[in-house]
Amino acid sequence: MARPQISMNAHTETELYKEGIDIIISMDASGSMLAQDFSPNRFKASKELAIDFVKDRKNDRVGLVIFEGEAYTQCPLTSDRDIMIELIESSEQGIVEQGTAIGMGLATAINRLRESNAPSKVIILLTDGVNTHGKIHPINAAEMAKDFGIRVYTIGVGTNGQAKTPVAIDPFSGRYIYDYVEVEIDEETLKTIAKETGGQYFRATDNQKLKEVYKEINEMEKAKIKTIEYDVDLPEKADLFILSALGLLLLEFLASKLIFKSIS
């Protein structure tokens, strides 16, 4: 949290607080994130736009969780945006087993936030599929997030209809073989997660829409600014009070002198 900044003038003292929030981006890195309905693909587009989001969160700590068939922390909460950006850029697919463990991705993010003392705790959960792996169901993870006071924004990534998606690897070249596959996003679960935790669900069908989603979340989660004004110079009221007090003291002084003379 930034230190209070105090500005003075003749009439007011303004105390300005900037309360940063803690944010974890939990990003799907499964094989389907290589689908080319985004440019150049879903995974790279998601990373690039996450970087733009981080650049604008100047008062906050941000971290990154990556999930496929399992989930892991790529970057713990940090206020160092350069480090965070570097770790987003260096994140890769295929580090753990293939699959889509949405519940584990959410639970790992919760674990990073559960001891946070920030005034607001947020998870941005981005996926293009359906939960297929992991020991924790996404809805159970959402209930945990709610218990810890964590708000979850969910983003379903993928076009409507079919997308050019990797379906196999060529054994000779080692390159992906692509085919047009129906996009399947468990929007019902993502909506439930968001509703359960006080967040919101978004659907991003291309780069521009995802950019707009991040922008909207950014605006919704702007750092709070609290301004308190104190009166420090009230000439009319203060002068009247002082003059009245002085008048009473003067009368008391004169009265004591008269009494003293009459006795003597």
C-alpha atoms as a PDB file:
ATOM      1  CA  MET A   1       0.000   0.000   0.000  1.00  0.00           C
ATOM      2  CA  ALA A   2       1.382   3.392  -0.905  1.00  0.00           C
ATOM      3  CA  ARG A   3       2.116   5.840   1.896  1.00  0.00           C
ATOM      4  CA  PRO A   4      -0.403   8.649   2.472  1.00  0.00           C
ATOM      5  CA  GLN A   5       0.329  11.831   0.533  1.00  0.00           C
ATOM      6  CA  ILE A   6      -0.704  15.093   2.211  1.00  0.00           C
ATOM      7  CA  SER A   7      -1.283  18.370   0.414  1.00  0.00           C
ATOM      8  CA  MET A   8      -1.940  21.656   2.239  1.00  0.00           C
ATOM      9  CA  ASN A   9      -3.567  24.926   1.280  1.00  0.00           C
ATOM     10  CA  ALA A  10      -5.305  27.764   3.122  1.00  0.00           C
ATOM     11  CA  HIS A  11      -8.527  25.884   3.658  1.00  0.00           C
ATOM     12  CA  THR A  12      -8.099  22.113   3.423  1.00  0.00           C
ATOM     13  CA  GLU A  13      -5.752  19.262   4.144  1.00  0.00           C
ATOM     14  CA  THR A  14      -6.179  16.366   1.721  1.00  0.00           C
ATOM     15  CA  GLU A  15      -4.976  12.911   2.702  1.00  0.00           C
ATOM     16  CA  LEU A  16      -4.692  10.597  -0.306  1.00  0.00           C
ATOM     17  CA  TYR A  17      -4.536   6.821   0.059  1.00  0.00           C
ATOM     18  CA  LYS A  18      -3.904   4.432  -2.813  1.00  0.00           C
ATOM     19  CA  GLU A  19      -4.874   0.916  -1.819  1.00  0.00           C
ATOM     20  CA  GLY A  20      -3.397  -1.676  -4.163  1.00  0.00           C
ATOM     21  CA  ILE A  21      -5.121  -4.992  -4.750  1.00  0.00           C
ATOM     22  CA  ASP A  22      -3.709  -8.485  -5.232  1.00  0.00           C
ATOM     23  CA  ILE A  23      -4.436 -10.181  -8.560  1.00  0.00           C
ATOM     24  CA  ILE A  24      -3.608 -13.672  -9.818  1.00  0.00           C
ATOM     25  CA  ILE A  25      -3.994 -14.452 -13.516  1.00  0.00           C
ATOM     26  CA  SER A  26      -4.690 -18.180 -13.920  1.00  0.00           C
ATOM     27  CA  MET A  27      -4.118 -19.108 -17.560  1.00  0.00           C
ATOM     28  CA  ASP A  28      -4.952 -22.260 -19.496  1.00  0.00           C
ATOM     29  CA  ALA A  29      -1.928 -23.606 -21.408  1.00  0.00           C
ATOM     30  CA  SER A  30      -3.467 -26.819 -22.761  1.00  0.00           C
ATOM     31  CA  GLY A  31      -2.820 -27.935 -26.340  1.00  0.00           C
ATOM     32  CA  SER A  32      -6.077 -26.437 -27.616  1.00  0.00           C
ATOM     33  CA  MET A  33      -4.756 -22.994 -26.664  1.00  0.00           C
ATOM     34  CA  LEU A  34      -2.673 -23.265 -29.846  1.00  0.00           C
ATOM     35  CA  ALA A  35      -5.876 -22.914 -31.884  1.00  0.00           C
ATOM     36  CA  GLN A  36      -5.507 -20.238 -34.521  1.00  0.00           C
ATOM     37  CA  ASP A  37      -8.814 -18.412 -34.144  1.00  0.00           C
ATOM     38  CA  PHE A  38      -6.670 -15.826 -32.335  1.00  0.00           C
ATOM     39  CA  SER A  39      -3.528 -14.302 -33.825  1.00  0.00           C
ATOM     40  CA  PRO A  40      -1.066 -15.969 -33.784  1.00  0.00           C
ATOM     41  CA  ASN A  41      -2.884 -18.400 -31.440  1.00  0.00           C
ATOM     42  CA  ARG A  42      -4.926 -18.318 -28.246  1.00  0.00           C
ATOM     43  CA  PHE A  43      -2.001 -18.861 -25.887  1.00  0.00           C
ATOM     44  CA  LYS A  44       0.294 -16.181 -27.307  1.00  0.00           C
ATOM     45  CA  ALA A  45      -2.545 -13.690 -27.664  1.00  0.00           C
ATOM     46  CA  SER A  46      -3.553 -14.327 -24.041  1.00  0.00           C
ATOM     47  CA  LYS A  47       0.013 -13.727 -22.867  1.00  0.00           C
ATOM     48  CA  GLU A  48       0.400 -10.524 -24.868  1.00  0.00           C
ATOM     49  CA  LEU A  49      -2.835  -9.037 -23.559  1.00  0.00           C
ATOM     50  CA  ALA A  50      -2.064 -10.149 -19.992  1.00  0.00           C
ATOM     51  CA  ILE A  51       1.177  -8.166 -20.277  1.00  0.00           C
ATOM     52  CA  ASP A  52      -0.754  -5.068 -21.353  1.00  0.00           C
ATOM     53  CA  PHE A  53      -3.028  -5.546 -18.338  1.00  0.00           C
ATOM     54  CA  VAL A  54      -0.084  -5.858 -15.936  1.00  0.00           C
ATOM     55  CA  LYS A  55       1.524  -2.683 -17.267  1.00  0.00           C
ATOM     56  CA  ASP A  56      -1.527  -0.702 -16.196  1.00  0.00           C
ATOM     57  CA  ARG A  57      -1.739  -2.124 -12.657  1.00  0.00           C
ATOM     58  CA  LYS A  58       0.804   0.237 -11.122  1.00  0.00           C
ATOM     59  CA  ASN A  59      -0.374   0.076  -7.510  1.00  0.00           C
ATOM     60  CA  ASP A  60      -1.050  -3.656  -7.358  1.00  0.00           C
ATOM     61  CA  ARG A  61       0.699  -6.962  -6.861  1.00  0.00           C
ATOM     62  CA  VAL A  62       0.114  -9.436  -9.678  1.00  0.00           C
ATOM     63  CA  GLY A  63       0.983 -13.130 -10.021  1.00  0.00           C
ATOM     64  CA  LEU A  64       0.612 -15.869 -12.643  1.00  0.00           C
ATOM     65  CA  VAL A  65      -0.620 -19.468 -12.448  1.00  0.00           C
ATOM     66  CA  ILE A  66      -0.394 -21.793 -15.466  1.00  0.00           C
ATOM     67  CA  PHE A  67      -2.527 -24.907 -15.773  1.00  0.00           C
ATOM     68  CA  GLU A  68      -2.773 -27.837 -18.169  1.00  0.00           C
ATOM     69  CA  GLY A  69      -3.438 -31.311 -16.716  1.00  0.00           C
ATOM     70  CA  GLU A  70      -1.913 -29.906 -13.505  1.00  0.00           C
ATOM     71  CA  ALA A  71      -1.358 -26.374 -12.216  1.00  0.00           C
ATOM     72  CA  TYR A  72       1.740 -24.538 -11.017  1.00  0.00           C
ATOM     73  CA  THR A  73       2.781 -21.024 -10.037  1.00  0.00           C
ATOM     74  CA  GLN A  74       4.778 -19.335 -12.776  1.00  0.00           C
ATOM     75  CA  CYS A  75       5.110 -16.087 -10.806  1.00  0.00           C
ATOM     76  CA  PRO A  76       4.092 -15.427  -7.182  1.00  0.00           C
ATOM     77  CA  LEU A  77       2.511 -12.107  -6.255  1.00  0.00           C
ATOM     78  CA  THR A  78       4.892  -9.266  -7.032  1.00  0.00           C
ATOM     79  CA  SER A  79       4.769  -5.502  -7.451  1.00  0.00           C
ATOM     80  CA  ASP A  80       7.755  -5.701  -9.820  1.00  0.00           C
ATOM     81  CA  ARG A  81       6.058  -5.429 -13.187  1.00  0.00           C
ATOM     82  CA  ASP A  82       9.271  -6.077 -15.141  1.00  0.00           C
ATOM     83  CA  ILE A  83       9.723  -9.477 -13.480  1.00  0.00           C
ATOM     84  CA  MET A  84       6.059 -10.336 -13.945  1.00  0.00           C
ATOM     85  CA  ILE A  85       6.161  -9.421 -17.641  1.00  0.00           C
ATOM     86  CA  GLU A  86       9.334 -11.457 -18.158  1.00  0.00           C
ATOM     87  CA  LEU A  87       7.735 -14.514 -16.544  1.00  0.00           C
ATOM     88  CA  ILE A  88       4.566 -14.164 -18.616  1.00  0.00           C
ATOM     89  CA  GLU A  89       6.669 -13.989 -21.771  1.00  0.00           C
ATOM     90  CA  SER A  90       8.712 -17.056 -20.787  1.00  0.00           C
ATOM     91  CA  SER A  91       5.709 -19.214 -19.846  1.00  0.00           C
ATOM     92  CA  GLU A  92       5.365 -22.280 -22.070  1.00  0.00           C
ATOM     93  CA  GLN A  93       3.049 -25.141 -22.815  1.00  0.00           C
ATOM     94  CA  GLY A  94       3.899 -28.785 -22.181  1.00  0.00           C
ATOM     95  CA  ILE A  95       5.617 -28.266 -18.811  1.00  0.00           C
ATOM     96  CA  VAL A  96       3.209 -30.683 -17.100  1.00  0.00           C
ATOM     97  CA  GLU A  97       0.866 -33.398 -18.377  1.00  0.00           C
ATOM     98  CA  GLN A  98      -1.675 -32.481 -21.019  1.00  0.00           C
ATOM     99  CA  GLY A  99      -5.279 -31.796 -20.111  1.00  0.00           C
ATOM    100  CA  THR A 100      -7.392 -28.986 -18.699  1.00  0.00           C
ATOM    101  CA  ALA A 101      -7.468 -28.809 -14.900  1.00  0.00           C
ATOM    102  CA  ILE A 102      -9.606 -25.714 -14.390  1.00  0.00           C
ATOM    103  CA  GLY A 103     -10.333 -26.563 -10.750  1.00  0.00           C
ATOM    104  CA  MET A 104      -6.632 -26.968  -9.973  1.00  0.00           C
ATOM    105  CA  GLY A 105      -5.812 -23.740 -11.795  1.00  0.00           C
ATOM    106  CA  LEU A 106      -8.322 -21.924  -9.624  1.00  0.00           C
ATOM    107  CA  ALA A 107      -7.283 -23.671  -6.397  1.00  0.00           C
ATOM    108  CA  THR A 108      -3.591 -22.874  -6.977  1.00  0.00           C
ATOM    109  CA  ALA A 109      -4.469 -19.217  -7.498  1.00  0.00           C
ATOM    110  CA  ILE A 110      -6.551 -19.233  -4.297  1.00  0.00           C
ATOM    111  CA  ASN A 111      -3.614 -20.686  -2.383  1.00  0.00           C
ATOM    112  CA  ARG A 112      -1.512 -17.713  -3.493  1.00  0.00           C
ATOM    113  CA  LEU A 113      -4.125 -15.234  -2.265  1.00  0.00           C
ATOM    114  CA  ARG A 114      -5.569 -16.831   0.874  1.00  0.00           C
ATOM    115  CA  GLU A 115      -3.131 -15.112   3.275  1.00  0.00           C
ATOM    116  CA  SER A 116      -3.216 -11.778   1.475  1.00  0.00           C
ATOM    117  CA  ASN A 117      -4.143  -8.723   3.544  1.00  0.00           C
ATOM    118  CA  ALA A 118      -4.955  -6.630   0.478  1.00  0.00           C
ATOM    119  CA  PRO A 119      -8.288  -4.765   0.606  1.00  0.00           C
ATOM    120  CA  SER A 120      -9.338  -6.608  -2.559  1.00  0.00           C
ATOM    121  CA  LYS A 121      -8.291 -10.030  -3.880  1.00  0.00           C
ATOM    122  CA  VAL A 122      -8.973 -11.016  -7.480  1.00  0.00           C
ATOM    123  CA  ILE A 123      -8.425 -14.000  -9.784  1.00  0.00           C
ATOM    124  CA  ILE A 124      -8.696 -13.759 -13.561  1.00  0.00           C
ATOM    125  CA  LEU A 125      -9.340 -17.307 -14.800  1.00  0.00           C
ATOM    126  CA  LEU A 126      -8.843 -17.802 -18.539  1.00  0.00           C
ATOM    127  CA  THR A 127      -9.622 -21.066 -20.336  1.00  0.00           C
ATOM    128  CA  ASP A 128     -10.768 -22.368 -23.713  1.00  0.00           C
ATOM    129  CA  GLY A 129     -12.222 -25.686 -22.675  1.00  0.00           C
ATOM    130  CA  VAL A 130     -13.831 -28.063 -20.225  1.00  0.00           C
ATOM    131  CA  ASN A 131     -12.417 -29.401 -16.964  1.00  0.00           C
ATOM    132  CA  THR A 132     -10.917 -32.839 -17.743  1.00  0.00           C
ATOM    133  CA  HIS A 133      -8.200 -33.304 -15.107  1.00  0.00           C
ATOM    134  CA  GLY A 134      -7.387 -32.522 -11.491  1.00  0.00           C
ATOM    135  CA  LYS A 135      -8.560 -33.574  -8.042  1.00  0.00           C
ATOM    136  CA  ILE A 136     -10.543 -30.403  -7.349  1.00  0.00           C
ATOM    137  CA  HIS A 137     -13.777 -29.622  -9.165  1.00  0.00           C
ATOM    138  CA  PRO A 138     -14.052 -26.007 -10.396  1.00  0.00           C
ATOM    139  CA  ILE A 139     -17.264 -25.374  -8.406  1.00  0.00           C
ATOM    140  CA  ASN A 140     -15.642 -26.618  -5.188  1.00  0.00           C
ATOM    141  CA  ALA A 141     -12.710 -24.308  -5.877  1.00  0.00           C
ATOM    142  CA  ALA A 142     -15.152 -21.430  -6.390  1.00  0.00           C
ATOM    143  CA  GLU A 143     -16.657 -22.107  -2.960  1.00  0.00           C
ATOM    144  CA  MET A 144     -13.169 -21.895  -1.454  1.00  0.00           C
ATOM    145  CA  ALA A 145     -12.572 -18.584  -3.235  1.00  0.00           C
ATOM    146  CA  LYS A 146     -15.807 -17.229  -1.794  1.00  0.00           C
ATOM    147  CA  ASP A 147     -14.796 -18.311   1.726  1.00  0.00           C
ATOM    148  CA  PHE A 148     -11.530 -16.379   1.389  1.00  0.00           C
ATOM    149  CA  GLY A 149     -13.247 -13.293   0.002  1.00  0.00           C
ATOM    150  CA  ILE A 150     -11.693 -13.680  -3.444  1.00  0.00           C
ATOM    151  CA  ARG A 151     -13.528 -12.377  -6.491  1.00  0.00           C
ATOM    152  CA  VAL A 152     -13.105 -14.421  -9.690  1.00  0.00           C
ATOM    153  CA  TYR A 153     -13.480 -13.075 -13.216  1.00  0.00           C
ATOM    154  CA  THR A 154     -13.758 -15.903 -15.736  1.00  0.00           C
ATOM    155  CA  ILE A 155     -12.931 -15.631 -19.434  1.00  0.00           C
ATOM    156  CA  GLY A 156     -13.939 -18.182 -22.047  1.00  0.00           C
ATOM    157  CA  VAL A 157     -11.516 -17.956 -24.973  1.00  0.00           C
ATOM    158  CA  GLY A 158     -12.488 -19.220 -28.430  1.00  0.00           C
ATOM    159  CA  THR A 159     -14.520 -18.389 -31.484  1.00  0.00           C
ATOM    160  CA  ASN A 160     -18.088 -19.495 -32.054  1.00  0.00           C
ATOM    161  CA  GLY A 161     -18.272 -22.640 -34.181  1.00  0.00           C
ATOM    162  CA  GLN A 162     -15.059 -24.318 -35.337  1.00  0.00           C
ATOM    163  CA  ALA A 163     -11.418 -23.337 -34.973  1.00  0.00           C
ATOM    164  CA  LYS A 164      -8.183 -24.554 -36.544  1.00  0.00           C
ATOM    165  CA  THR A 165      -6.785 -26.617 -33.683  1.00  0.00           C
ATOM    166  CA  PRO A 166      -3.827 -29.016 -33.229  1.00  0.00           C
ATOM    167  CA  VAL A 167      -5.112 -32.595 -33.137  1.00  0.00           C
ATOM    168  CA  ALA A 168      -1.891 -34.628 -33.370  1.00  0.00           C
ATOM    169  CA  ILE A 169       1.895 -34.403 -33.775  1.00  0.00           C
ATOM    170  CA  ASP A 170       3.620 -35.565 -36.942  1.00  0.00           C
ATOM    171  CA  PRO A 171       6.012 -38.359 -35.827  1.00  0.00           C
ATOM    172  CA  PHE A 172       8.559 -37.430 -38.494  1.00  0.00           C
ATOM    173  CA  SER A 173       8.656 -33.628 -38.298  1.00  0.00           C
ATOM    174  CA  GLY A 174       7.505 -33.216 -34.699  1.00  0.00           C
ATOM    175  CA  ARG A 175       5.101 -30.507 -35.824  1.00  0.00           C
ATOM    176  CA  TYR A 176       1.438 -30.211 -34.934  1.00  0.00           C
ATOM    177  CA  ILE A 177      -1.195 -31.479 -37.347  1.00  0.00           C
ATOM    178  CA  TYR A 178      -4.177 -29.099 -37.444  1.00  0.00           C
ATOM    179  CA  ASP A 179      -7.829 -29.686 -38.204  1.00  0.00           C
ATOM    180  CA  TYR A 180     -11.032 -27.684 -37.733  1.00  0.00           C
ATOM    181  CA  VAL A 181     -12.561 -28.641 -34.397  1.00  0.00           C
ATOM    182  CA  GLU A 182     -15.774 -27.527 -32.714  1.00  0.00           C
ATOM    183  CA  VAL A 183     -15.055 -25.062 -29.907  1.00  0.00           C
ATOM    184  CA  GLU A 184     -16.308 -26.421 -26.573  1.00  0.00           C
ATOM    185  CA  ILE A 185     -16.176 -24.090 -23.590  1.00  0.00           C
ATOM    186  CA  ASP A 186     -17.929 -24.973 -20.336  1.00  0.00           C
ATOM    187  CA  GLU A 187     -19.571 -21.576 -20.091  1.00  0.00           C
ATOM    188  CA  GLU A 188     -22.099 -22.759 -17.522  1.00  0.00           C
ATOM    189  CA  THR A 189     -19.356 -23.629 -15.047  1.00  0.00           C
ATOM    190  CA  LEU A 190     -17.447 -20.416 -15.740  1.00  0.00           C
ATOM    191  CA  LYS A 191     -20.600 -18.364 -15.174  1.00  0.00           C
ATOM    192  CA  THR A 192     -21.277 -20.209 -11.912  1.00  0.00           C
ATOM    193  CA  ILE A 193     -17.734 -19.578 -10.658  1.00  0.00           C
ATOM    194  CA  ALA A 194     -18.058 -15.864 -11.389  1.00  0.00           C
ATOM    195  CA  LYS A 195     -21.516 -15.581  -9.818  1.00  0.00           C
ATOM    196  CA  GLU A 196     -20.511 -17.550  -6.716  1.00  0.00           C
ATOM    197  CA  THR A 197     -17.576 -15.227  -6.014  1.00  0.00           C
ATOM    198  CA  GLY A 198     -19.047 -11.868  -7.002  1.00  0.00           C
ATOM    199  CA  GLY A 199     -17.106 -11.685 -10.259  1.00  0.00           C
ATOM    200  CA  GLN A 200     -18.257 -11.728 -13.870  1.00  0.00           C
ATOM    201  CA  TYR A 201     -18.033 -14.045 -16.879  1.00  0.00           C
ATOM    202  CA  PHE A 202     -16.741 -12.824 -20.241  1.00  0.00           C
ATOM    203  CA  ARG A 203     -16.555 -14.497 -23.648  1.00  0.00           C
ATOM    204  CA  ALA A 204     -13.662 -13.501 -25.912  1.00  0.00           C
ATOM    205  CA  THR A 205     -13.937 -14.695 -29.508  1.00  0.00           C
ATOM    206  CA  ASP A 206     -10.890 -12.897 -30.941  1.00  0.00           C
ATOM    207  CA  ASN A 207      -7.916 -10.690 -30.007  1.00  0.00           C
ATOM    208  CA  GLN A 208      -9.903  -7.457 -29.976  1.00  0.00           C
ATOM    209  CA  LYS A 209     -12.643  -8.886 -27.778  1.00  0.00           C
ATOM    210  CA  LEU A 210     -10.091 -10.249 -25.296  1.00  0.00           C
ATOM    211  CA  LYS A 211      -8.431  -6.837 -25.213  1.00  0.00           C
ATOM    212  CA  GLU A 212     -11.808  -5.276 -24.410  1.00  0.00           C
ATOM    213  CA  VAL A 213     -12.400  -7.846 -21.653  1.00  0.00           C
ATOM    214  CA  TYR A 214      -9.093  -7.040 -19.948  1.00  0.00           C
ATOM    215  CA  LYS A 215      -9.872  -3.336 -20.277  1.00  0.00           C
ATOM    216  CA  GLU A 216     -13.260  -3.806 -18.627  1.00  0.00           C
ATOM    217  CA  ILE A 217     -11.789  -5.818 -15.751  1.00  0.00           C
ATOM    218  CA  ASN A 218      -9.086  -3.178 -15.390  1.00  0.00           C
ATOM    219  CA  GLU A 219     -11.702  -0.444 -15.030  1.00  0.00           C
ATOM    220  CA  MET A 220     -13.770  -2.508 -12.594  1.00  0.00           C
ATOM    221  CA  GLU A 221     -10.753  -3.168 -10.394  1.00  0.00           C
ATOM    222  CA  LYS A 222      -9.050   0.225 -10.367  1.00  0.00           C
ATOM    223  CA  ALA A 223      -7.106   0.908  -7.187  1.00  0.00           C
ATOM    224  CA  LYS A 224      -9.254   2.673  -4.623  1.00  0.00           C
ATOM    225  CA  ILE A 225      -8.463   6.277  -3.879  1.00  0.00           C
ATOM    226  CA  LYS A 226      -9.718   7.651  -0.619  1.00  0.00           C
ATOM    227  CA  THR A 227      -9.662  11.384  -0.140  1.00  0.00           C
ATOM    228  CA  ILE A 228     -10.346  12.899   3.259  1.00  0.00           C
ATOM    229  CA  GLU A 229     -10.648  16.631   3.639  1.00  0.00           C
ATOM    230  CA  TYR A 230     -10.058  18.374   6.912  1.00  0.00           C
ATOM    231  CA  ASP A 231     -10.837  22.050   7.623  1.00  0.00           C
ATOM    232  CA  VAL A 232      -7.672  23.714   8.908  1.00  0.00           C
ATOM    233  CA  ASP A 233      -8.473  27.394   8.406  1.00  0.00           C
ATOM    234  CA  LEU A 234     -11.945  28.638   9.291  1.00  0.00           C
ATOM    235  CA  PRO A 235     -11.422  32.395   9.726  1.00  0.00           C
ATOM    236  CA  GLU A 236     -14.998  33.484  10.414  1.00  0.00           C
ATOM    237  CA  LYS A 237     -15.904  30.864  13.058  1.00  0.00           C
ATOM    238  CA  ALA A 238     -12.442  30.768  14.606  1.00  0.00           C
ATOM    239  CA  ASP A 239     -12.174  34.557  14.894  1.00  0.00           C
ATOM    240  CA  LEU A 240     -15.585  34.852  16.537  1.00  0.00           C
ATOM    241  CA  PHE A 241     -14.715  32.146  19.055  1.00  0.00           C
ATOM    242  CA  ILE A 242     -11.356  33.728  19.922  1.00  0.00           C
ATOM    243  CA  LEU A 243     -12.846  37.229  20.256  1.00  0.00           C
ATOM    244  CA  SER A 244     -15.588  35.925  22.539  1.00  0.00           C
ATOM    245  CA  ALA A 245     -13.057  34.129  24.737  1.00  0.00           C
ATOM    246  CA  LEU A 246     -10.839  37.217  24.964  1.00  0.00           C
ATOM    247  CA  GLY A 247     -13.866  39.361  25.805  1.00  0.00           C
ATOM    248  CA  LEU A 248     -14.800  37.101  28.710  1.00  0.00           C
ATOM    249  CA  LEU A 249     -11.238  37.129  30.036  1.00  0.00           C
ATOM    250  CA  LEU A 250     -11.128  40.932  29.834  1.00  0.00           C
ATOM    251  CA  LEU A 251     -14.430  41.294  31.723  1.00  0.00           C
ATOM    252  CA  GLU A 252     -13.201  38.875  34.392  1.00  0.00           C
ATOM    253  CA  PHE A 253      -9.966  40.864  34.754  1.00  0.00           C
ATOM    254  CA  LEU A 254     -11.772  44.233  35.058  1.00  0.00           C
ATOM    255  CA  ALA A 255     -14.251  42.825  37.557  1.00  0.00           C
ATOM    256  CA  SER A 256     -11.458  41.507  39.777  1.00  0.00           C
ATOM    257  CA  LYS A 257      -9.743  44.918  39.721  1.00  0.00           C
ATOM    258  CA  LEU A 258     -12.944  46.714  40.759  1.00  0.00           C
ATOM    259  CA  ILE A 259     -13.585  44.248  43.582  1.00  0.00           C
ATOM    260  CA  PHE A 260      -9.993  44.609  44.795  1.00  0.00           C
ATOM    261  CA  LYS A 261     -10.314  48.472  44.860  1.00  0.00           C
ATOM    262  CA  SER A 262     -13.597  48.402  46.760  1.00  0.00           C
ATOM    263  CA  ILE A 263     -12.097  46.134  49.438  1.00  0.00           C
ATOM    264  CA  SER A 264      -9.001  48.296  49.817  1.00  0.00           C
END
